[in-house]
N, C-alpha and C. Protein backbone atom coordinates (compact mmCIF):
# COMPACT_ATOMS: atom_id res chain seq x y z
N MET A 1 -69.86 -67.00 11.51
CA MET A 1 -71.10 -67.72 11.42
C MET A 1 -70.88 -69.22 11.68
N LEU A 2 -69.84 -69.80 11.11
CA LEU A 2 -69.58 -71.23 11.33
C LEU A 2 -69.19 -71.52 12.77
N ARG A 3 -68.63 -70.53 13.46
CA ARG A 3 -68.23 -70.73 14.86
C ARG A 3 -69.41 -71.10 15.75
N ASN A 4 -70.59 -70.64 15.38
CA ASN A 4 -71.78 -70.88 16.19
C ASN A 4 -72.41 -72.24 15.94
N ILE A 5 -71.93 -72.96 14.96
CA ILE A 5 -72.47 -74.28 14.63
C ILE A 5 -71.56 -75.34 15.24
N PRO A 6 -72.09 -76.21 16.11
CA PRO A 6 -71.23 -77.21 16.76
C PRO A 6 -70.77 -78.29 15.79
N GLY A 7 -69.69 -78.97 16.17
CA GLY A 7 -69.19 -80.10 15.39
C GLY A 7 -68.09 -79.73 14.42
N GLU A 8 -67.57 -80.77 13.76
CA GLU A 8 -66.50 -80.59 12.77
C GLU A 8 -67.10 -80.02 11.48
N LYS A 9 -66.28 -79.29 10.73
CA LYS A 9 -66.79 -78.62 9.55
C LYS A 9 -65.85 -78.76 8.37
N ILE A 10 -66.47 -78.80 7.19
CA ILE A 10 -65.75 -78.72 5.92
C ILE A 10 -66.37 -77.58 5.15
N LEU A 11 -65.53 -76.73 4.58
CA LEU A 11 -65.97 -75.55 3.85
C LEU A 11 -65.54 -75.72 2.39
N ALA A 12 -66.46 -75.53 1.46
CA ALA A 12 -66.13 -75.67 0.04
C ALA A 12 -66.81 -74.58 -0.75
N GLY A 13 -66.11 -74.09 -1.76
CA GLY A 13 -66.75 -73.12 -2.63
C GLY A 13 -65.78 -72.20 -3.34
N ASP A 14 -66.35 -71.30 -4.11
CA ASP A 14 -65.63 -70.27 -4.84
C ASP A 14 -65.45 -69.10 -3.88
N LEU A 15 -64.27 -68.97 -3.32
CA LEU A 15 -64.01 -67.92 -2.33
C LEU A 15 -63.41 -66.66 -2.96
N ASN A 16 -62.97 -66.76 -4.22
CA ASN A 16 -62.36 -65.63 -4.93
C ASN A 16 -61.27 -64.96 -4.12
N LEU A 17 -60.51 -65.76 -3.38
CA LEU A 17 -59.37 -65.27 -2.62
C LEU A 17 -58.15 -66.09 -3.01
N PRO A 18 -57.02 -65.44 -3.33
CA PRO A 18 -55.84 -66.18 -3.75
C PRO A 18 -54.96 -66.61 -2.58
N GLY A 19 -54.05 -67.52 -2.88
CA GLY A 19 -53.01 -67.91 -1.94
C GLY A 19 -53.52 -68.46 -0.63
N ASN A 20 -52.89 -68.02 0.47
CA ASN A 20 -53.27 -68.53 1.79
C ASN A 20 -54.28 -67.63 2.51
N LEU A 21 -54.85 -66.66 1.82
CA LEU A 21 -55.85 -65.79 2.44
C LEU A 21 -57.06 -66.55 2.99
N PRO A 22 -57.61 -67.53 2.27
CA PRO A 22 -58.74 -68.26 2.84
C PRO A 22 -58.41 -68.93 4.17
N SER A 23 -57.21 -69.50 4.30
CA SER A 23 -56.81 -70.13 5.55
C SER A 23 -56.64 -69.10 6.66
N LYS A 24 -55.99 -67.99 6.34
CA LYS A 24 -55.78 -66.94 7.34
C LYS A 24 -57.10 -66.37 7.85
N LEU A 25 -58.04 -66.16 6.94
CA LEU A 25 -59.30 -65.53 7.32
C LEU A 25 -60.29 -66.48 7.98
N SER A 26 -60.21 -67.77 7.65
CA SER A 26 -61.23 -68.71 8.12
C SER A 26 -60.77 -69.63 9.25
N GLY A 27 -59.47 -69.84 9.37
CA GLY A 27 -58.98 -70.82 10.33
C GLY A 27 -59.09 -72.25 9.81
N PHE A 28 -59.46 -72.41 8.56
CA PHE A 28 -59.55 -73.71 7.92
C PHE A 28 -58.28 -73.94 7.11
N ARG A 29 -57.99 -75.20 6.79
CA ARG A 29 -56.84 -75.54 5.93
C ARG A 29 -57.34 -76.18 4.66
N SER A 30 -56.66 -75.86 3.57
CA SER A 30 -57.03 -76.42 2.28
C SER A 30 -56.75 -77.91 2.23
N LEU A 31 -57.69 -78.66 1.67
CA LEU A 31 -57.52 -80.11 1.49
C LEU A 31 -56.96 -80.44 0.11
N ALA A 32 -56.93 -79.47 -0.79
CA ALA A 32 -56.44 -79.71 -2.14
C ALA A 32 -55.89 -78.41 -2.72
N ALA A 33 -54.73 -78.51 -3.32
CA ALA A 33 -54.13 -77.35 -3.96
C ALA A 33 -54.18 -77.55 -5.47
N ALA A 34 -54.89 -76.67 -6.15
CA ALA A 34 -54.98 -76.74 -7.60
C ALA A 34 -55.42 -75.39 -8.14
N ALA A 35 -54.75 -74.91 -9.16
CA ALA A 35 -55.17 -73.67 -9.80
C ALA A 35 -56.54 -73.89 -10.45
N THR A 36 -57.46 -72.97 -10.23
CA THR A 36 -58.83 -73.13 -10.75
C THR A 36 -59.30 -71.96 -11.60
N TYR A 37 -58.47 -70.91 -11.73
CA TYR A 37 -58.90 -69.73 -12.47
C TYR A 37 -57.73 -69.15 -13.25
N PRO A 38 -57.96 -68.63 -14.45
CA PRO A 38 -59.13 -68.77 -15.30
C PRO A 38 -59.17 -70.15 -15.96
N SER A 39 -60.33 -70.57 -16.38
CA SER A 39 -60.50 -71.93 -16.90
C SER A 39 -59.70 -72.16 -18.18
N TRP A 40 -59.41 -71.13 -18.93
CA TRP A 40 -58.70 -71.31 -20.19
C TRP A 40 -57.18 -71.37 -19.99
N LYS A 41 -56.68 -71.01 -18.82
CA LYS A 41 -55.25 -71.12 -18.52
C LYS A 41 -55.07 -70.92 -17.01
N GLU A 42 -55.37 -71.97 -16.24
CA GLU A 42 -55.40 -71.86 -14.79
C GLU A 42 -54.07 -71.37 -14.22
N LYS A 43 -54.15 -70.32 -13.39
CA LYS A 43 -52.95 -69.77 -12.77
C LYS A 43 -53.13 -69.57 -11.26
N ILE A 44 -54.38 -69.40 -10.81
CA ILE A 44 -54.66 -69.03 -9.42
C ILE A 44 -55.70 -69.97 -8.84
N GLN A 45 -55.57 -70.29 -7.57
CA GLN A 45 -56.62 -71.06 -6.90
C GLN A 45 -57.59 -70.09 -6.25
N PHE A 46 -58.84 -70.10 -6.72
CA PHE A 46 -59.92 -69.30 -6.14
C PHE A 46 -60.98 -70.20 -5.52
N ASP A 47 -60.96 -71.47 -5.84
CA ASP A 47 -61.98 -72.42 -5.39
C ASP A 47 -61.31 -73.39 -4.42
N TYR A 48 -61.97 -73.65 -3.30
CA TYR A 48 -61.33 -74.40 -2.22
C TYR A 48 -62.25 -75.45 -1.63
N ILE A 49 -61.63 -76.49 -1.09
CA ILE A 49 -62.28 -77.45 -0.21
C ILE A 49 -61.38 -77.47 1.02
N MET A 50 -61.95 -77.07 2.15
CA MET A 50 -61.15 -76.84 3.35
C MET A 50 -61.77 -77.54 4.56
N ALA A 51 -60.94 -77.82 5.56
CA ALA A 51 -61.42 -78.43 6.80
C ALA A 51 -60.79 -77.67 7.97
N LYS A 52 -61.44 -77.76 9.12
CA LYS A 52 -60.86 -77.16 10.32
C LYS A 52 -59.50 -77.78 10.57
N LYS A 53 -58.57 -76.97 11.04
CA LYS A 53 -57.19 -77.43 11.23
C LYS A 53 -57.11 -78.66 12.13
N GLY A 54 -57.95 -78.75 13.14
CA GLY A 54 -57.93 -79.90 14.05
C GLY A 54 -58.24 -81.21 13.36
N LEU A 55 -59.11 -81.19 12.37
CA LEU A 55 -59.44 -82.41 11.62
C LEU A 55 -58.21 -82.94 10.90
N ILE A 56 -57.45 -82.05 10.31
CA ILE A 56 -56.27 -82.45 9.54
C ILE A 56 -55.12 -82.80 10.49
N LYS A 57 -54.88 -81.95 11.47
CA LYS A 57 -53.77 -82.15 12.41
C LYS A 57 -53.91 -83.47 13.16
N ASN A 58 -55.11 -83.83 13.52
CA ASN A 58 -55.35 -85.06 14.27
C ASN A 58 -55.64 -86.26 13.37
N ASN A 59 -55.37 -86.11 12.08
CA ASN A 59 -55.56 -87.18 11.09
C ASN A 59 -56.98 -87.75 11.10
N LYS A 60 -57.97 -86.89 11.31
CA LYS A 60 -59.36 -87.34 11.29
C LYS A 60 -59.93 -87.34 9.88
N VAL A 61 -59.28 -86.62 8.97
CA VAL A 61 -59.74 -86.58 7.59
C VAL A 61 -58.52 -86.56 6.66
N ALA A 62 -58.64 -87.25 5.55
CA ALA A 62 -57.61 -87.23 4.50
C ALA A 62 -58.32 -86.99 3.18
N ALA A 63 -57.67 -86.28 2.29
CA ALA A 63 -58.29 -85.95 1.01
C ALA A 63 -57.36 -86.26 -0.14
N THR A 64 -57.92 -86.76 -1.21
CA THR A 64 -57.20 -87.01 -2.45
C THR A 64 -57.82 -86.14 -3.53
N LEU A 65 -57.01 -85.33 -4.19
CA LEU A 65 -57.50 -84.44 -5.24
C LEU A 65 -58.03 -85.25 -6.41
N ILE A 66 -59.19 -84.87 -6.91
CA ILE A 66 -59.76 -85.46 -8.12
C ILE A 66 -59.50 -84.48 -9.24
N LYS A 67 -58.67 -84.87 -10.18
CA LYS A 67 -58.31 -83.98 -11.29
C LYS A 67 -59.49 -83.79 -12.24
N SER A 68 -59.69 -82.56 -12.65
CA SER A 68 -60.73 -82.24 -13.61
C SER A 68 -60.26 -82.61 -15.01
N THR A 69 -61.17 -83.15 -15.81
CA THR A 69 -60.83 -83.45 -17.20
C THR A 69 -61.69 -82.59 -18.11
N GLY A 70 -61.10 -82.07 -19.13
CA GLY A 70 -61.84 -81.21 -20.04
C GLY A 70 -61.98 -79.80 -19.50
N ARG A 71 -62.53 -78.96 -20.29
CA ARG A 71 -62.72 -77.55 -19.94
C ARG A 71 -64.20 -77.26 -19.78
N PRO A 72 -64.57 -76.50 -18.74
CA PRO A 72 -65.98 -76.14 -18.59
C PRO A 72 -66.39 -75.17 -19.69
N ILE A 73 -67.59 -75.32 -20.17
CA ILE A 73 -68.07 -74.46 -21.25
C ILE A 73 -68.68 -73.17 -20.70
N ILE A 74 -69.30 -73.25 -19.53
CA ILE A 74 -70.05 -72.09 -19.05
C ILE A 74 -69.43 -71.41 -17.84
N SER A 75 -68.24 -71.78 -17.45
CA SER A 75 -67.64 -71.17 -16.27
C SER A 75 -66.23 -70.69 -16.57
N ASP A 76 -65.82 -69.66 -15.84
CA ASP A 76 -64.45 -69.20 -15.96
C ASP A 76 -63.55 -69.84 -14.90
N HIS A 77 -64.10 -70.82 -14.16
CA HIS A 77 -63.34 -71.56 -13.15
C HIS A 77 -63.32 -73.05 -13.50
N ILE A 78 -62.22 -73.72 -13.16
CA ILE A 78 -62.11 -75.18 -13.29
C ILE A 78 -62.69 -75.79 -12.01
N PRO A 79 -63.50 -76.84 -12.11
CA PRO A 79 -64.01 -77.46 -10.89
C PRO A 79 -62.90 -78.12 -10.07
N ILE A 80 -63.09 -78.15 -8.78
CA ILE A 80 -62.15 -78.83 -7.89
C ILE A 80 -62.94 -79.84 -7.07
N GLY A 81 -62.36 -81.01 -6.88
CA GLY A 81 -63.04 -82.04 -6.10
C GLY A 81 -62.04 -82.87 -5.32
N VAL A 82 -62.50 -83.46 -4.24
CA VAL A 82 -61.66 -84.34 -3.45
C VAL A 82 -62.46 -85.57 -3.04
N GLU A 83 -61.75 -86.65 -2.83
CA GLU A 83 -62.34 -87.83 -2.20
C GLU A 83 -61.92 -87.75 -0.74
N LEU A 84 -62.90 -87.73 0.15
CA LEU A 84 -62.63 -87.60 1.58
C LEU A 84 -62.66 -88.96 2.26
N LYS A 85 -61.73 -89.15 3.18
CA LYS A 85 -61.72 -90.36 4.01
C LYS A 85 -61.65 -89.90 5.46
N PHE A 86 -62.64 -90.33 6.24
CA PHE A 86 -62.69 -89.96 7.65
C PHE A 86 -62.18 -91.12 8.50
N GLN A 87 -61.35 -90.82 9.48
CA GLN A 87 -60.77 -91.85 10.36
C GLN A 87 -61.63 -91.99 11.60
């Protein structure tokens, strides 16, 4: 679906896929690595912020992980965030 939309893309969300599966399936690369599940003892990354490989390879975007503070009360996932800088 994203292939049909022109321009550079960033994909973010709860993908419920561990390890490098999101990259293999989407062709996107993760901008931040952080365990996000379960919220009470994070062990696995299920939530991602990703960009097309060309954006990262060509240094068009850089990301800094924003660490989550505290525990979410209503979610079994820890939030993930990044500060993006476009070149």
